[in-house]
PDB file of N, CA and C in Angstrom:
ATOM      1  N   MET A   1       0.834  -1.183   0.000  1.00  0.00           N
ATOM      2  CA  MET A   1       0.000   0.000   0.000  1.00  0.00           C
ATOM      3  C   MET A   1       0.882   1.251   0.000  1.00  0.00           C
ATOM      4  N   ILE A   2       0.560   2.195  -0.831  1.00  0.00           N
ATOM      5  CA  ILE A   2       1.316   3.451  -0.933  1.00  0.00           C
ATOM      6  C   ILE A   2       0.824   4.406   0.144  1.00  0.00           C
ATOM      7  N   LYS A   3       1.790   5.029   0.840  1.00  0.00           N
ATOM      8  CA  LYS A   3       1.473   5.967   1.913  1.00  0.00           C
ATOM      9  C   LYS A   3       2.031   7.352   1.583  1.00  0.00           C
ATOM     10  N   GLU A   4       1.553   8.370   2.313  1.00  0.00           N
ATOM     11  CA  GLU A   4       2.120   9.715   2.149  1.00  0.00           C
ATOM     12  C   GLU A   4       3.613   9.664   2.405  1.00  0.00           C
ATOM     13  N   HIS A   5       4.360  10.414   1.632  1.00  0.00           N
ATOM     14  CA  HIS A   5       5.816  10.549   1.693  1.00  0.00           C
ATOM     15  C   HIS A   5       6.557   9.368   1.084  1.00  0.00           C
ATOM     16  N   ASP A   6       5.832   8.364   0.560  1.00  0.00           N
ATOM     17  CA  ASP A   6       6.496   7.280  -0.164  1.00  0.00           C
ATOM     18  C   ASP A   6       6.955   7.797  -1.523  1.00  0.00           C
ATOM     19  N   CYS A   7       8.066   7.264  -1.986  1.00  0.00           N
ATOM     20  CA  CYS A   7       8.490   7.521  -3.359  1.00  0.00           C
ATOM     21  C   CYS A   7       7.781   6.526  -4.257  1.00  0.00           C
ATOM     22  N   VAL A   8       7.335   7.003  -5.407  1.00  0.00           N
ATOM     23  CA  VAL A   8       6.629   6.154  -6.372  1.00  0.00           C
ATOM     24  C   VAL A   8       7.229   6.367  -7.756  1.00  0.00           C
ATOM     25  N   VAL A   9       6.975   5.404  -8.631  1.00  0.00           N
ATOM     26  CA  VAL A   9       7.486   5.438  -9.996  1.00  0.00           C
ATOM     27  C   VAL A   9       6.315   5.672 -10.943  1.00  0.00           C
ATOM     28  N   LEU A  10       6.472   6.612 -11.838  1.00  0.00           N
ATOM     29  CA  LEU A  10       5.448   6.915 -12.829  1.00  0.00           C
ATOM     30  C   LEU A  10       5.386   5.782 -13.861  1.00  0.00           C
ATOM     31  N   THR A  11       4.172   5.313 -14.164  1.00  0.00           N
ATOM     32  CA  THR A  11       4.022   4.193 -15.100  1.00  0.00           C
ATOM     33  C   THR A  11       3.511   4.633 -16.469  1.00  0.00           C
ATOM     34  N   LYS A  12       3.369   5.933 -16.672  1.00  0.00           N
ATOM     35  CA  LYS A  12       2.955   6.455 -17.984  1.00  0.00           C
ATOM     36  C   LYS A  12       3.534   7.859 -18.152  1.00  0.00           C
ATOM     37  N   ASN A  13       3.690   8.279 -19.378  1.00  0.00           N
ATOM     38  CA  ASN A  13       4.144   9.649 -19.636  1.00  0.00           C
ATOM     39  C   ASN A  13       3.044  10.637 -19.276  1.00  0.00           C
ATOM     40  N   VAL A  14       3.457  11.787 -18.746  1.00  0.00           N
ATOM     41  CA  VAL A  14       2.548  12.921 -18.525  1.00  0.00           C
ATOM     42  C   VAL A  14       3.184  14.083 -19.278  1.00  0.00           C
ATOM     43  N   SER A  15       2.974  14.089 -20.595  1.00  0.00           N
ATOM     44  CA  SER A  15       3.677  15.015 -21.480  1.00  0.00           C
ATOM     45  C   SER A  15       3.379  16.474 -21.171  1.00  0.00           C
ATOM     46  N   THR A  16       2.190  16.771 -20.647  1.00  0.00           N
ATOM     47  CA  THR A  16       1.854  18.162 -20.330  1.00  0.00           C
ATOM     48  C   THR A  16       2.750  18.725 -19.236  1.00  0.00           C
ATOM     49  N   GLU A  17       3.363  17.841 -18.451  1.00  0.00           N
ATOM     50  CA  GLU A  17       4.255  18.271 -17.367  1.00  0.00           C
ATOM     51  C   GLU A  17       5.718  17.935 -17.653  1.00  0.00           C
ATOM     52  N   GLY A  18       5.988  17.338 -18.803  1.00  0.00           N
ATOM     53  CA  GLY A  18       7.359  16.950 -19.142  1.00  0.00           C
ATOM     54  C   GLY A  18       7.825  15.717 -18.388  1.00  0.00           C
ATOM     55  N   LEU A  19       6.894  14.924 -17.869  1.00  0.00           N
ATOM     56  CA  LEU A  19       7.245  13.734 -17.092  1.00  0.00           C
ATOM     57  C   LEU A  19       7.196  12.502 -17.977  1.00  0.00           C
ATOM     58  N   GLU A  20       8.087  11.549 -17.684  1.00  0.00           N
ATOM     59  CA  GLU A  20       8.172  10.328 -18.479  1.00  0.00           C
ATOM     60  C   GLU A  20       8.050   9.101 -17.595  1.00  0.00           C
ATOM     61  N   THR A  21       7.590   8.020 -18.203  1.00  0.00           N
ATOM     62  CA  THR A  21       7.529   6.739 -17.506  1.00  0.00           C
ATOM     63  C   THR A  21       8.874   6.466 -16.835  1.00  0.00           C
ATOM     64  N   GLY A  22       8.827   6.076 -15.570  1.00  0.00           N
ATOM     65  CA  GLY A  22      10.054   5.795 -14.824  1.00  0.00           C
ATOM     66  C   GLY A  22      10.505   6.930 -13.932  1.00  0.00           C
ATOM     67  N   ASP A  23       9.967   8.141 -14.138  1.00  0.00           N
ATOM     68  CA  ASP A  23      10.320   9.251 -13.248  1.00  0.00           C
ATOM     69  C   ASP A  23       9.838   8.934 -11.832  1.00  0.00           C
ATOM     70  N   VAL A  24      10.584   9.385 -10.852  1.00  0.00           N
ATOM     71  CA  VAL A  24      10.280   9.102  -9.452  1.00  0.00           C
ATOM     72  C   VAL A  24       9.769  10.368  -8.779  1.00  0.00           C
ATOM     73  N   GLY A  25       8.683  10.227  -8.038  1.00  0.00           N
ATOM     74  CA  GLY A  25       8.102  11.353  -7.312  1.00  0.00           C
ATOM     75  C   GLY A  25       7.769  10.942  -5.893  1.00  0.00           C
ATOM     76  N   THR A  26       7.318  11.909  -5.110  1.00  0.00           N
ATOM     77  CA  THR A  26       6.953  11.684  -3.710  1.00  0.00           C
ATOM     78  C   THR A  26       5.477  11.966  -3.517  1.00  0.00           C
ATOM     79  N   VAL A  27       4.782  11.031  -2.882  1.00  0.00           N
ATOM     80  CA  VAL A  27       3.358  11.200  -2.601  1.00  0.00           C
ATOM     81  C   VAL A  27       3.195  12.259  -1.512  1.00  0.00           C
ATOM     82  N   VAL A  28       2.433  13.307  -1.817  1.00  0.00           N
ATOM     83  CA  VAL A  28       2.202  14.367  -0.844  1.00  0.00           C
ATOM     84  C   VAL A  28       0.772  14.376  -0.329  1.00  0.00           C
ATOM     85  N   HIS A  29      -0.122  13.614  -0.990  1.00  0.00           N
ATOM     86  CA  HIS A  29      -1.500  13.515  -0.518  1.00  0.00           C
ATOM     87  C   HIS A  29      -2.143  12.286  -1.146  1.00  0.00           C
ATOM     88  N   ILE A  30      -3.005  11.623  -0.381  1.00  0.00           N
ATOM     89  CA  ILE A  30      -3.727  10.461  -0.876  1.00  0.00           C
ATOM     90  C   ILE A  30      -5.200  10.824  -0.981  1.00  0.00           C
ATOM     91  N   HIS A  31      -5.794  10.569  -2.142  1.00  0.00           N
ATOM     92  CA  HIS A  31      -7.205  10.851  -2.381  1.00  0.00           C
ATOM     93  C   HIS A  31      -8.035   9.575  -2.241  1.00  0.00           C
ATOM     94  N   LYS A  32      -9.170   9.660  -1.585  1.00  0.00           N
ATOM     95  CA  LYS A  32     -10.188   8.598  -1.536  1.00  0.00           C
ATOM     96  C   LYS A  32      -9.603   7.202  -1.338  1.00  0.00           C
ATOM     97  N   ASP A  33      -8.942   6.992  -0.222  1.00  0.00           N
ATOM     98  CA  ASP A  33      -8.411   5.668   0.137  1.00  0.00           C
ATOM     99  C   ASP A  33      -7.506   5.058  -0.928  1.00  0.00           C
ATOM    100  N   GLY A  34      -6.744   5.884  -1.608  1.00  0.00           N
ATOM    101  CA  GLY A  34      -5.759   5.379  -2.555  1.00  0.00           C
ATOM    102  C   GLY A  34      -6.235   5.241  -3.981  1.00  0.00           C
ATOM    103  N   THR A  35      -7.376   5.843  -4.326  1.00  0.00           N
ATOM    104  CA  THR A  35      -7.805   5.793  -5.728  1.00  0.00           C
ATOM    105  C   THR A  35      -6.990   6.746  -6.593  1.00  0.00           C
ATOM    106  N   ALA A  36      -6.412   7.767  -5.951  1.00  0.00           N
ATOM    107  CA  ALA A  36      -5.564   8.731  -6.657  1.00  0.00           C
ATOM    108  C   ALA A  36      -4.560   9.311  -5.669  1.00  0.00           C
ATOM    109  N   TYR A  37      -3.487   9.867  -6.223  1.00  0.00           N
ATOM    110  CA  TYR A  37      -2.405  10.424  -5.405  1.00  0.00           C
ATOM    111  C   TYR A  37      -1.980  11.777  -5.947  1.00  0.00           C
ATOM    112  N   GLU A  38      -1.652  12.669  -5.044  1.00  0.00           N
ATOM    113  CA  GLU A  38      -0.996  13.922  -5.406  1.00  0.00           C
ATOM    114  C   GLU A  38       0.496  13.634  -5.281  1.00  0.00           C
ATOM    115  N   VAL A  39       1.242  13.791  -6.374  1.00  0.00           N
ATOM    116  CA  VAL A  39       2.658  13.416  -6.385  1.00  0.00           C
ATOM    117  C   VAL A  39       3.502  14.600  -6.819  1.00  0.00           C
ATOM    118  N   GLU A  40       4.560  14.863  -6.057  1.00  0.00           N
ATOM    119  CA  GLU A  40       5.505  15.937  -6.391  1.00  0.00           C
ATOM    120  C   GLU A  40       6.724  15.323  -7.057  1.00  0.00           C
ATOM    121  N   PHE A  41       7.091  15.893  -8.204  1.00  0.00           N
ATOM    122  CA  PHE A  41       8.282  15.470  -8.937  1.00  0.00           C
ATOM    123  C   PHE A  41       9.302  16.594  -8.855  1.00  0.00           C
ATOM    124  N   MET A  42      10.548  16.243  -8.535  1.00  0.00           N
ATOM    125  CA  MET A  42      11.603  17.239  -8.344  1.00  0.00           C
ATOM    126  C   MET A  42      12.859  16.827  -9.100  1.00  0.00           C
ATOM    127  N   THR A  43      13.688  17.840  -9.388  1.00  0.00           N
ATOM    128  CA  THR A  43      15.014  17.549  -9.920  1.00  0.00           C
ATOM    129  C   THR A  43      15.858  16.974  -8.793  1.00  0.00           C
ATOM    130  N   LEU A  44      17.014  16.441  -9.143  1.00  0.00           N
ATOM    131  CA  LEU A  44      17.896  15.880  -8.120  1.00  0.00           C
ATOM    132  C   LEU A  44      18.477  16.940  -7.197  1.00  0.00           C
ATOM    133  N   THR A  45      18.364  18.211  -7.579  1.00  0.00           N
ATOM    134  CA  THR A  45      18.838  19.295  -6.708  1.00  0.00           C
ATOM    135  C   THR A  45      17.713  19.892  -5.872  1.00  0.00           C
ATOM    136  N   GLY A  46      16.507  19.326  -5.970  1.00  0.00           N
ATOM    137  CA  GLY A  46      15.414  19.746  -5.110  1.00  0.00           C
ATOM    138  C   GLY A  46      14.440  20.757  -5.679  1.00  0.00           C
ATOM    139  N   GLN A  47      14.554  21.095  -6.955  1.00  0.00           N
ATOM    140  CA  GLN A  47      13.633  22.049  -7.577  1.00  0.00           C
ATOM    141  C   GLN A  47      12.373  21.305  -8.008  1.00  0.00           C
ATOM    142  N   THR A  48      11.209  21.785  -7.556  1.00  0.00           N
ATOM    143  CA  THR A  48       9.951  21.153  -7.943  1.00  0.00           C
ATOM    144  C   THR A  48       9.708  21.361  -9.429  1.00  0.00           C
ATOM    145  N   VAL A  49       9.402  20.267 -10.114  1.00  0.00           N
ATOM    146  CA  VAL A  49       9.092  20.289 -11.539  1.00  0.00           C
ATOM    147  C   VAL A  49       7.585  20.331 -11.730  1.00  0.00           C
ATOM    148  N   ALA A  50       6.873  19.495 -10.967  1.00  0.00           N
ATOM    149  CA  ALA A  50       5.419  19.413 -11.100  1.00  0.00           C
ATOM    150  C   ALA A  50       4.827  18.753  -9.865  1.00  0.00           C
ATOM    151  N   VAL A  51       3.607  19.138  -9.555  1.00  0.00           N
ATOM    152  CA  VAL A  51       2.787  18.445  -8.575  1.00  0.00           C
ATOM    153  C   VAL A  51       1.517  18.069  -9.321  1.00  0.00           C
ATOM    154  N   VAL A  52       1.286  16.762  -9.470  1.00  0.00           N
ATOM    155  CA  VAL A  52       0.164  16.299 -10.300  1.00  0.00           C
ATOM    156  C   VAL A  52      -0.678  15.287  -9.545  1.00  0.00           C
ATOM    157  N   THR A  53      -1.956  15.248  -9.888  1.00  0.00           N
ATOM    158  CA  THR A  53      -2.860  14.235  -9.365  1.00  0.00           C
ATOM    159  C   THR A  53      -2.866  13.071 -10.342  1.00  0.00           C
ATOM    160  N   LEU A  54      -2.584  11.882  -9.829  1.00  0.00           N
ATOM    161  CA  LEU A  54      -2.470  10.693 -10.664  1.00  0.00           C
ATOM    162  C   LEU A  54      -3.350   9.583 -10.114  1.00  0.00           C
ATOM    163  N   LEU A  55      -3.963   8.831 -11.001  1.00  0.00           N
ATOM    164  CA  LEU A  55      -4.740   7.671 -10.584  1.00  0.00           C
ATOM    165  C   LEU A  55      -3.804   6.584 -10.063  1.00  0.00           C
ATOM    166  N   ALA A  56      -4.349   5.690  -9.268  1.00  0.00           N
ATOM    167  CA  ALA A  56      -3.532   4.640  -8.658  1.00  0.00           C
ATOM    168  C   ALA A  56      -2.764   3.830  -9.704  1.00  0.00           C
ATOM    169  N   GLY A  57      -3.362   3.598 -10.873  1.00  0.00           N
ATOM    170  CA  GLY A  57      -2.691   2.832 -11.915  1.00  0.00           C
ATOM    171  C   GLY A  57      -1.592   3.578 -12.647  1.00  0.00           C
ATOM    172  N   ASP A  58      -1.452   4.867 -12.368  1.00  0.00           N
ATOM    173  CA  ASP A  58      -0.430   5.687 -13.036  1.00  0.00           C
ATOM    174  C   ASP A  58       0.910   5.668 -12.307  1.00  0.00           C
ATOM    175  N   VAL A  59       0.935   5.093 -11.106  1.00  0.00           N
ATOM    176  CA  VAL A  59       2.166   5.016 -10.311  1.00  0.00           C
ATOM    177  C   VAL A  59       2.275   3.627  -9.698  1.00  0.00           C
ATOM    178  N   ARG A  60       3.501   3.295  -9.301  1.00  0.00           N
ATOM    179  CA  ARG A  60       3.726   2.051  -8.565  1.00  0.00           C
ATOM    180  C   ARG A  60       4.749   2.318  -7.479  1.00  0.00           C
ATOM    181  N   PRO A  61       4.735   1.498  -6.424  1.00  0.00           N
ATOM    182  CA  PRO A  61       5.746   1.678  -5.388  1.00  0.00           C
ATOM    183  C   PRO A  61       7.136   1.341  -5.925  1.00  0.00           C
ATOM    184  N   LEU A  62       8.145   1.882  -5.280  1.00  0.00           N
ATOM    185  CA  LEU A  62       9.514   1.488  -5.605  1.00  0.00           C
ATOM    186  C   LEU A  62       9.701   0.020  -5.264  1.00  0.00           C
ATOM    187  N   SER A  63      10.554  -0.656  -6.010  1.00  0.00           N
ATOM    188  CA  SER A  63      10.883  -2.044  -5.679  1.00  0.00           C
ATOM    189  C   SER A  63      12.380  -2.148  -5.380  1.00  0.00           C
ATOM    190  N   ARG A  64      12.765  -3.249  -4.801  1.00  0.00           N
ATOM    191  CA  ARG A  64      14.174  -3.470  -4.454  1.00  0.00           C
ATOM    192  C   ARG A  64      15.050  -3.569  -5.689  1.00  0.00           C
ATOM    193  N   ARG A  65      14.460  -3.786  -6.842  1.00  0.00           N
ATOM    194  CA  ARG A  65      15.236  -3.950  -8.073  1.00  0.00           C
ATOM    195  C   ARG A  65      15.279  -2.684  -8.927  1.00  0.00           C
ATOM    196  N   ASP A  66      14.675  -1.594  -8.442  1.00  0.00           N
ATOM    197  CA  ASP A  66      14.715  -0.338  -9.197  1.00  0.00           C
ATOM    198  C   ASP A  66      16.105   0.274  -9.135  1.00  0.00           C
ATOM    199  N   LEU A  67      16.507   0.856 -10.246  1.00  0.00           N
ATOM    200  CA  LEU A  67      17.814   1.496 -10.367  1.00  0.00           C
ATOM    201  C   LEU A  67      17.607   2.967 -10.679  1.00  0.00           C
ATOM    202  N   ALA A  68      18.286   3.833  -9.963  1.00  0.00           N
ATOM    203  CA  ALA A  68      18.177   5.272 -10.216  1.00  0.00           C
ATOM    204  C   ALA A  68      18.821   5.607 -11.560  1.00  0.00           C
ATOM    205  N   HIS A  69      18.235   6.593 -12.247  1.00  0.00           N
ATOM    206  CA  HIS A  69      18.727   7.001 -13.554  1.00  0.00           C
ATOM    207  C   HIS A  69      18.467   8.504 -13.684  1.00  0.00           C
ATOM    208  N   ALA A  70      19.372   9.234 -14.256  1.00  0.00           N
ATOM    209  CA  ALA A  70      19.180  10.681 -14.421  1.00  0.00           C
ATOM    210  C   ALA A  70      18.971  11.011 -15.898  1.00  0.00           C
ATOM    211  N   ARG A  71      18.089  11.971 -16.137  1.00  0.00           N
ATOM    212  CA  ARG A  71      17.876  12.511 -17.482  1.00  0.00           C
ATOM    213  C   ARG A  71      17.687  14.016 -17.342  1.00  0.00           C
ATOM    214  N   GLU A  72      18.048  14.736 -18.369  1.00  0.00           N
ATOM    215  CA  GLU A  72      17.882  16.193 -18.337  1.00  0.00           C
ATOM    216  C   GLU A  72      16.442  16.533 -18.673  1.00  0.00           C
ATOM    217  N   LEU A  73      15.846  17.401 -17.879  1.00  0.00           N
ATOM    218  CA  LEU A  73      14.462  17.798 -18.058  1.00  0.00           C
ATOM    219  C   LEU A  73      14.329  18.649 -19.321  1.00  0.00           C
ATOM    220  N   GLN A  74      13.388  18.261 -20.153  1.00  0.00           N
ATOM    221  CA  GLN A  74      13.093  19.035 -21.354  1.00  0.00           C
ATOM    222  C   GLN A  74      12.008  20.040 -21.030  1.00  0.00           C
ATOM    223  N   THR A  75      12.130  21.263 -21.506  1.00  0.00           N
ATOM    224  CA  THR A  75      11.109  22.258 -21.253  1.00  0.00           C
ATOM    225  C   THR A  75       9.898  21.994 -22.134  1.00  0.00           C
ATOM    226  N   VAL A  76       8.713  22.273 -21.558  1.00  0.00           N
ATOM    227  CA  VAL A  76       7.473  22.038 -22.315  1.00  0.00           C
ATOM    228  C   VAL A  76       6.868  23.336 -22.758  1.00  0.00           C
TER     229      VAL A  76
END
């Protein structure tokens, strides 16, 4: 179960925000018992890129086999 302040992985692109599948964000609010999440995405230096509401199927919890990866943010 995903909780507030958990890191989650995006499972689909959100092109309107410049986010891509695999981007990692932090849950800042849970809607309706986990049907949706408010997730903050930041650069590795701590600059907020986007705060978006995502359905439960749009994110997944981190797993022990996930590997961190960096990409340069493209402006939208």
